[in-house]
Amino acid sequence: MINYDVIIIGGGPAGLICAKVLDGTDKRVLLLEKNEALGDKICAGGLTRKGLAILHLPDDVIEHKIYETALHAGRYKSETHAPEPFVFTISRKSLAAWQSEQIKGDNIEIRTNVRVAEIGKRKVSLGDGTEIGFQYLVGADGVHSIVRKYLEIPTKKRLIGVQYTVPVKDPDPLLELYMNSRLFHSWYVWIFPHADNLAIGSICNPNILSPKKLLSNLNTWLKGKKIDITNAKYDTWPISYDYRGYQFGNIFLAGEAAGLASGFTGEGIYQALVSGEAIAHYILDSQSVFPAMDQILRYNAIQEKILRFLINAGPFRPAIFKSLILLLNNKWIKERIKRGFS
């Protein structure tokens, strides 16, 4: 049986950055991706400045640098014009291609179109029956993680995402968010500009709005906005924010496999990057300290508190959304926000 020091399952942002940190070390690493292409995942495609600071992406990978955002609630609207870009839109496949190109060491092997069928105490079994041994195993394999399943960690906190990719020629580099309690409860509709399309979608807890109802409400909203989706591509996907830990002996969970997405916004790329880095540093030095991991746990906890507050607000939710717009339109607060982006 062939043995590796580290096996990483999943070729998304978490798995690839974990491999990058281990690149050029004495660890022999195997990254396994079930799809033919790395990064083949549905996503709104927004990367924050925190995520960009980790990756140092070149401009040719970034589709749009977002300086302007508009937040809507009914007839109320708040616009922000930041002096520095605060969100960057990307293609997940392009991001994965760039990340994999940065891995150059002979100690890293990447295999695509490989399905892990079973996990044992110190080995994984592939779909073709091949068995491969490991010292450390990293599950960076998303919401349906086989590694999380092996660890018998349930996933109860989930969101459902629905999104249309609408072809548009030269879309404006404007990020828009629409809060509508009647249609989307405590969540909202996003519009992210990409190179030649707009990603328009929403998320919700399926226990509050079924996927079918969420899609119906999104279609109602799109019709009201007179947005033509005749030639649009439709996707739906689950999102996990059920975090139960990321280290379990010699086995780790990263990104959404660990339930590190935000339950309020669905944001997950930054959390995936931080957790992938943290795991790699621990594998290299078990005494290492990685403060950014604690920071994202605090950030996610705050997001979940906001979500619970909005869910429990009931009939007062529309008033809260409108009050938020009025607050953001306050000149003093607007100036503080702009300085924060500088």
Protein backbone atom coordinates (compact mmCIF):
# COMPACT_ATOMS: atom_id res chain seq x y z
CA MET A 1 0.00 0.00 0.00
CA ILE A 2 1.31 3.45 -0.97
CA ASN A 3 1.58 5.82 1.99
CA TYR A 4 1.50 9.62 2.23
CA ASP A 5 2.14 11.91 5.17
CA VAL A 6 -0.97 13.93 4.33
CA ILE A 7 -4.02 13.14 2.23
CA ILE A 8 -6.26 16.09 1.41
CA ILE A 9 -9.73 15.29 0.09
CA GLY A 10 -11.18 18.21 -1.87
CA GLY A 11 -9.62 20.63 -4.36
CA GLY A 12 -11.39 23.84 -3.38
CA PRO A 13 -9.85 26.91 -1.68
CA ALA A 14 -9.29 25.08 1.64
CA GLY A 15 -7.65 21.99 0.19
CA LEU A 16 -5.47 23.92 -2.23
CA ILE A 17 -4.18 26.43 0.31
CA CYS A 18 -3.46 23.58 2.73
CA ALA A 19 -1.39 21.93 -0.02
CA LYS A 20 0.33 25.25 -0.79
CA VAL A 21 1.49 25.71 2.82
CA LEU A 22 2.85 22.15 2.80
CA ASP A 23 4.51 22.73 -0.59
CA GLY A 24 8.30 22.31 -0.45
CA THR A 25 8.32 20.75 3.03
CA ASP A 26 9.34 17.22 3.97
CA LYS A 27 5.69 16.11 3.96
CA ARG A 28 4.55 13.90 1.10
CA VAL A 29 1.07 15.13 0.19
CA LEU A 30 -1.71 13.73 -1.99
CA LEU A 31 -4.70 15.91 -2.89
CA LEU A 32 -7.74 14.07 -4.26
CA GLU A 33 -10.57 15.82 -6.13
CA LYS A 34 -13.68 13.92 -7.23
CA ASN A 35 -14.46 16.24 -10.17
CA GLU A 36 -12.51 16.54 -13.39
CA ALA A 37 -11.82 20.22 -12.74
CA LEU A 38 -10.61 21.78 -9.52
CA GLY A 39 -12.91 24.37 -7.95
CA ASP A 40 -16.00 23.17 -9.77
CA LYS A 41 -18.49 24.50 -7.22
CA ILE A 42 -21.55 26.74 -7.41
CA CYS A 43 -20.90 30.03 -5.66
CA ALA A 44 -21.87 33.70 -5.86
CA GLY A 45 -18.15 34.29 -6.40
CA GLY A 46 -17.42 37.09 -3.96
CA LEU A 47 -14.07 37.35 -2.21
CA THR A 48 -13.52 39.88 0.59
CA ARG A 49 -10.39 41.94 1.13
CA LYS A 50 -9.43 39.57 3.96
CA GLY A 51 -9.44 36.66 1.53
CA LEU A 52 -7.50 38.62 -1.07
CA ALA A 53 -4.86 39.46 1.53
CA ILE A 54 -4.24 35.74 2.02
CA LEU A 55 -4.08 34.86 -1.67
CA HIS A 56 -2.50 37.96 -3.28
CA LEU A 57 -4.46 37.29 -6.47
CA PRO A 58 -3.23 38.97 -9.67
CA ASP A 59 -5.62 41.25 -11.55
CA ASP A 60 -6.12 38.77 -14.40
CA VAL A 61 -7.87 36.35 -12.03
CA ILE A 62 -10.16 39.04 -10.58
CA GLU A 63 -13.27 39.78 -12.64
CA HIS A 64 -14.46 42.94 -10.88
CA LYS A 65 -13.15 45.12 -8.07
CA ILE A 66 -16.21 46.37 -6.22
CA TYR A 67 -16.06 49.92 -4.89
CA GLU A 68 -19.81 50.54 -4.80
CA THR A 69 -22.65 48.76 -3.08
CA ALA A 70 -26.37 49.45 -2.77
CA LEU A 71 -28.51 48.06 0.05
CA HIS A 72 -32.27 48.08 -0.47
CA ALA A 73 -35.25 47.56 1.82
CA GLY A 74 -38.57 48.41 0.21
CA ARG A 75 -38.39 51.99 -1.09
CA TYR A 76 -35.40 52.73 1.14
CA LYS A 77 -31.86 52.57 -0.23
CA SER A 78 -28.34 53.14 1.06
CA GLU A 79 -25.34 53.49 -1.25
CA THR A 80 -21.68 53.23 -0.31
CA HIS A 81 -18.80 54.45 -2.47
CA ALA A 82 -15.61 53.15 -0.91
CA PRO A 83 -12.16 54.62 -1.67
CA GLU A 84 -10.74 51.09 -1.86
CA PRO A 85 -12.34 47.94 -3.31
CA PHE A 86 -13.86 45.80 -0.57
CA VAL A 87 -15.22 42.86 -2.57
CA PHE A 88 -13.70 41.10 -5.56
CA THR A 89 -15.66 38.82 -7.87
CA ILE A 90 -13.99 35.73 -9.24
CA SER A 91 -14.70 32.51 -11.07
CA ARG A 92 -14.23 29.53 -8.73
CA LYS A 93 -12.60 27.52 -11.52
CA SER A 94 -10.19 30.35 -12.32
CA LEU A 95 -9.37 30.70 -8.62
CA ALA A 96 -8.66 26.98 -8.30
CA ALA A 97 -6.55 26.98 -11.48
CA TRP A 98 -4.47 29.86 -10.13
CA GLN A 99 -4.09 28.25 -6.70
CA SER A 100 -2.94 24.96 -8.20
CA GLU A 101 -0.40 26.77 -10.41
CA GLN A 102 1.24 28.15 -7.26
CA ILE A 103 1.96 24.62 -6.02
CA LYS A 104 5.28 23.66 -7.57
CA GLY A 105 6.95 21.27 -5.13
CA ASP A 106 7.67 17.65 -6.02
CA ASN A 107 6.22 16.60 -2.66
CA ILE A 108 2.65 17.52 -3.72
CA GLU A 109 0.60 15.26 -5.98
CA ILE A 110 -2.83 16.36 -7.23
CA ARG A 111 -5.25 13.84 -8.73
CA THR A 112 -8.62 14.81 -10.20
CA ASN A 113 -11.60 12.68 -11.17
CA VAL A 114 -10.89 10.40 -8.20
CA ARG A 115 -13.65 9.29 -5.86
CA VAL A 116 -12.91 8.30 -2.26
CA ALA A 117 -15.21 5.36 -1.51
CA GLU A 118 -14.30 4.62 2.09
CA ILE A 119 -12.14 5.87 4.95
CA GLY A 120 -10.42 3.62 7.44
CA LYS A 121 -8.31 4.27 10.54
CA ARG A 122 -5.12 5.04 8.60
CA LYS A 123 -6.14 4.61 4.99
CA VAL A 124 -8.57 5.68 2.30
CA SER A 125 -10.05 3.38 -0.32
CA LEU A 126 -10.68 4.77 -3.78
CA GLY A 127 -13.51 3.88 -6.12
CA ASP A 128 -11.25 1.56 -8.11
CA GLY A 129 -10.29 -0.38 -4.98
CA THR A 130 -6.89 1.24 -4.48
CA GLU A 131 -5.93 1.71 -0.83
CA ILE A 132 -3.68 4.61 0.25
CA GLY A 133 -2.28 5.11 3.73
CA PHE A 134 -1.94 8.41 5.57
CA GLN A 135 -0.52 9.94 8.72
CA TYR A 136 -2.85 12.94 8.54
CA LEU A 137 -6.16 13.27 6.73
CA VAL A 138 -7.72 16.62 5.78
CA GLY A 139 -11.38 16.73 4.81
CA ALA A 140 -11.83 19.78 2.59
CA ASP A 141 -14.62 18.11 0.67
CA GLY A 142 -17.55 20.44 1.26
CA VAL A 143 -21.02 20.10 2.69
CA HIS A 144 -21.34 16.39 1.80
CA SER A 145 -17.95 15.58 3.33
CA ILE A 146 -17.12 11.88 3.44
CA VAL A 147 -14.53 12.70 6.12
CA ARG A 148 -17.16 14.34 8.35
CA LYS A 149 -19.39 11.32 7.76
CA TYR A 150 -16.57 8.99 8.81
CA LEU A 151 -16.14 11.04 11.99
CA GLU A 152 -19.91 10.62 12.62
CA ILE A 153 -20.43 14.35 13.01
CA PRO A 154 -24.01 15.30 12.09
CA THR A 155 -24.89 18.40 10.07
CA LYS A 156 -28.05 20.06 11.35
CA LYS A 157 -27.50 23.75 10.58
CA ARG A 158 -27.90 24.15 6.84
CA LEU A 159 -28.94 26.75 4.34
CA ILE A 160 -30.21 26.26 0.81
CA GLY A 161 -28.97 28.54 -1.94
CA VAL A 162 -30.72 29.28 -5.24
CA GLN A 163 -29.11 31.33 -7.98
CA TYR A 164 -29.46 32.37 -11.59
CA THR A 165 -26.43 33.22 -13.70
CA VAL A 166 -27.82 35.85 -16.06
CA PRO A 167 -25.79 36.67 -19.21
CA VAL A 168 -25.05 40.40 -19.36
CA LYS A 169 -22.68 42.32 -21.58
CA ASP A 170 -20.29 44.54 -19.57
CA PRO A 171 -22.16 44.47 -16.22
CA ASP A 172 -21.72 47.46 -13.91
CA PRO A 173 -19.25 46.70 -11.08
CA LEU A 174 -21.93 47.26 -8.44
CA LEU A 175 -22.83 44.87 -5.64
CA GLU A 176 -26.51 45.05 -4.66
CA LEU A 177 -28.37 43.48 -1.75
CA TYR A 178 -32.17 43.51 -1.46
CA MET A 179 -33.84 42.76 1.89
CA ASN A 180 -37.45 41.64 1.62
CA SER A 181 -38.83 39.98 4.73
CA ARG A 182 -42.06 38.87 3.05
CA LEU A 183 -40.22 36.90 0.35
CA PHE A 184 -36.89 35.99 1.96
CA HIS A 185 -37.52 36.13 5.71
CA SER A 186 -34.22 37.03 7.46
CA TRP A 187 -32.06 36.79 4.34
CA TYR A 188 -31.82 38.78 1.10
CA VAL A 189 -31.22 38.73 -2.65
CA TRP A 190 -27.69 39.40 -3.92
CA ILE A 191 -26.55 40.64 -7.30
CA PHE A 192 -22.84 40.01 -7.95
CA PRO A 193 -21.30 41.28 -11.21
CA HIS A 194 -18.95 38.93 -13.07
CA ALA A 195 -17.07 39.16 -16.35
CA ASP A 196 -20.07 38.54 -18.62
CA ASN A 197 -22.95 37.76 -16.26
CA LEU A 198 -24.76 38.64 -13.06
CA ALA A 199 -25.07 36.10 -10.24
CA ILE A 200 -28.52 36.72 -8.73
CA GLY A 201 -29.64 34.56 -5.87
CA SER A 202 -30.73 34.09 -2.29
CA ILE A 203 -30.31 31.73 0.65
CA CYS A 204 -32.56 30.58 3.47
CA ASN A 205 -32.89 27.95 6.16
CA PRO A 206 -34.93 25.16 4.50
CA ASN A 207 -36.87 24.72 7.76
CA ILE A 208 -38.15 28.27 7.33
CA LEU A 209 -38.57 28.34 3.54
CA SER A 210 -38.50 25.16 1.48
CA PRO A 211 -36.20 25.18 -1.57
CA LYS A 212 -39.30 25.15 -3.77
CA LYS A 213 -40.80 28.15 -1.98
CA LEU A 214 -37.49 30.03 -1.97
CA LEU A 215 -37.16 29.57 -5.74
CA SER A 216 -40.78 30.62 -6.27
CA ASN A 217 -40.19 33.77 -4.21
CA LEU A 218 -36.99 34.55 -6.10
CA ASN A 219 -38.85 34.21 -9.40
CA THR A 220 -41.55 36.54 -8.07
CA TRP A 221 -38.91 39.08 -7.11
CA LEU A 222 -37.13 38.81 -10.47
CA LYS A 223 -40.42 39.31 -12.31
CA GLY A 224 -41.14 42.40 -10.21
CA LYS A 225 -37.71 43.78 -11.12
CA LYS A 226 -38.26 42.87 -14.80
CA ILE A 227 -35.07 40.82 -14.90
CA ASP A 228 -35.13 38.44 -17.85
CA ILE A 229 -33.92 34.93 -16.95
CA THR A 230 -34.84 33.28 -20.27
CA ASN A 231 -31.19 32.46 -21.04
CA ALA A 232 -30.03 32.22 -17.44
CA LYS A 233 -28.46 29.15 -15.84
CA TYR A 234 -30.16 28.00 -12.64
CA ASP A 235 -28.35 26.31 -9.73
CA THR A 236 -29.21 25.26 -6.21
CA TRP A 237 -26.88 24.00 -3.47
CA PRO A 238 -26.73 23.41 0.30
CA ILE A 239 -24.50 25.37 2.69
CA SER A 240 -23.36 24.12 6.10
CA TYR A 241 -22.74 26.37 9.09
CA ASP A 242 -22.81 23.59 11.68
CA TYR A 243 -19.34 23.92 13.20
CA ARG A 244 -18.34 21.21 15.70
CA GLY A 245 -14.55 21.61 15.61
CA TYR A 246 -11.83 21.15 13.03
CA GLN A 247 -9.29 18.82 14.64
CA PHE A 248 -10.09 15.22 15.61
CA GLY A 249 -6.81 13.51 16.40
CA ASN A 250 -4.93 13.09 13.13
CA ILE A 251 -8.02 13.98 11.08
CA PHE A 252 -9.05 17.55 10.24
CA LEU A 253 -12.03 19.29 8.68
CA ALA A 254 -11.61 22.50 6.68
CA GLY A 255 -14.00 25.01 5.17
CA GLU A 256 -17.56 23.89 4.69
CA ALA A 257 -16.73 20.31 5.68
CA ALA A 258 -16.16 21.79 9.14
CA GLY A 259 -19.36 23.87 8.88
CA LEU A 260 -17.43 27.14 8.76
CA ALA A 261 -19.67 29.06 6.36
CA SER A 262 -21.64 32.03 7.70
CA GLY A 263 -25.23 31.18 8.57
CA PHE A 264 -26.32 34.72 7.72
CA THR A 265 -24.48 35.55 4.49
CA GLY A 266 -23.40 32.11 3.28
CA GLU A 267 -19.84 33.47 2.95
CA GLY A 268 -17.33 30.64 3.01
CA ILE A 269 -14.23 31.28 0.88
CA TYR A 270 -12.37 33.27 3.53
CA GLN A 271 -13.22 30.73 6.24
CA ALA A 272 -12.04 27.95 3.93
CA LEU A 273 -8.70 29.67 3.31
CA VAL A 274 -8.04 30.36 6.99
CA SER A 275 -8.93 26.85 8.13
CA GLY A 276 -6.84 25.26 5.36
CA GLU A 277 -3.84 27.34 6.39
CA ALA A 278 -4.36 26.63 10.09
CA ILE A 279 -4.47 22.87 9.53
CA ALA A 280 -1.31 22.87 7.42
CA HIS A 281 0.59 24.88 10.05
CA TYR A 282 -0.56 22.48 12.76
CA ILE A 283 0.62 19.48 10.72
CA LEU A 284 4.04 21.12 10.38
CA ASP A 285 4.19 22.19 14.03
CA SER A 286 1.59 21.02 16.55
CA GLN A 287 2.59 23.90 18.86
CA SER A 288 1.80 26.57 16.27
CA VAL A 289 -0.75 29.25 17.10
CA PHE A 290 -3.04 30.59 14.37
CA PRO A 291 -5.08 33.56 15.67
CA ALA A 292 -7.01 33.98 12.40
CA MET A 293 -8.83 30.73 13.14
CA ASP A 294 -10.14 32.11 16.43
CA GLN A 295 -11.12 35.31 14.64
CA ILE A 296 -13.31 33.54 12.08
CA LEU A 297 -15.01 31.55 14.84
CA ARG A 298 -15.85 34.81 16.62
CA TYR A 299 -16.97 36.37 13.32
CA ASN A 300 -19.26 33.41 12.56
CA ALA A 301 -20.67 33.51 16.10
CA ILE A 302 -21.57 37.19 15.67
CA GLN A 303 -23.19 36.43 12.31
CA GLU A 304 -25.27 33.67 13.87
CA LYS A 305 -26.41 35.99 16.69
CA ILE A 306 -27.56 38.53 14.10
CA LEU A 307 -29.41 35.77 12.27
CA ARG A 308 -31.17 34.55 15.42
CA PHE A 309 -32.15 38.12 16.26
CA LEU A 310 -33.70 38.63 12.81
CA ILE A 311 -35.49 35.27 12.88
CA ASN A 312 -36.97 36.03 16.32
CA ALA A 313 -37.91 39.58 15.29
CA GLY A 314 -40.97 38.24 13.47
CA PRO A 315 -43.32 41.05 12.32
CA PHE A 316 -40.77 43.70 13.38
CA ARG A 317 -38.24 42.47 10.80
CA PRO A 318 -39.28 44.87 7.97
CA ALA A 319 -38.96 47.82 10.34
CA ILE A 320 -35.50 46.63 11.38
CA PHE A 321 -34.41 46.43 7.74
CA LYS A 322 -35.66 49.95 7.05
CA SER A 323 -34.03 51.28 10.23
CA LEU A 324 -30.75 49.76 9.09
CA ILE A 325 -30.97 51.68 5.81
CA LEU A 326 -31.69 54.95 7.62
CA LEU A 327 -28.77 54.30 9.97
CA LEU A 328 -26.39 53.63 7.08
CA ASN A 329 -27.50 56.89 5.45
CA ASN A 330 -26.37 58.88 8.47
CA LYS A 331 -23.47 61.10 7.33
CA TRP A 332 -21.30 60.35 10.36
CA ILE A 333 -21.73 56.58 9.97
CA LYS A 334 -21.13 56.79 6.21
CA GLU A 335 -17.85 58.58 6.82
CA ARG A 336 -16.81 55.97 9.39
CA ILE A 337 -17.57 53.19 6.90
CA LYS A 338 -15.51 54.90 4.19
CA ARG A 339 -12.57 55.32 6.56
CA GLY A 340 -12.86 51.66 7.46
CA PHE A 341 -12.46 50.72 3.81
CA SER A 342 -9.40 52.94 3.39
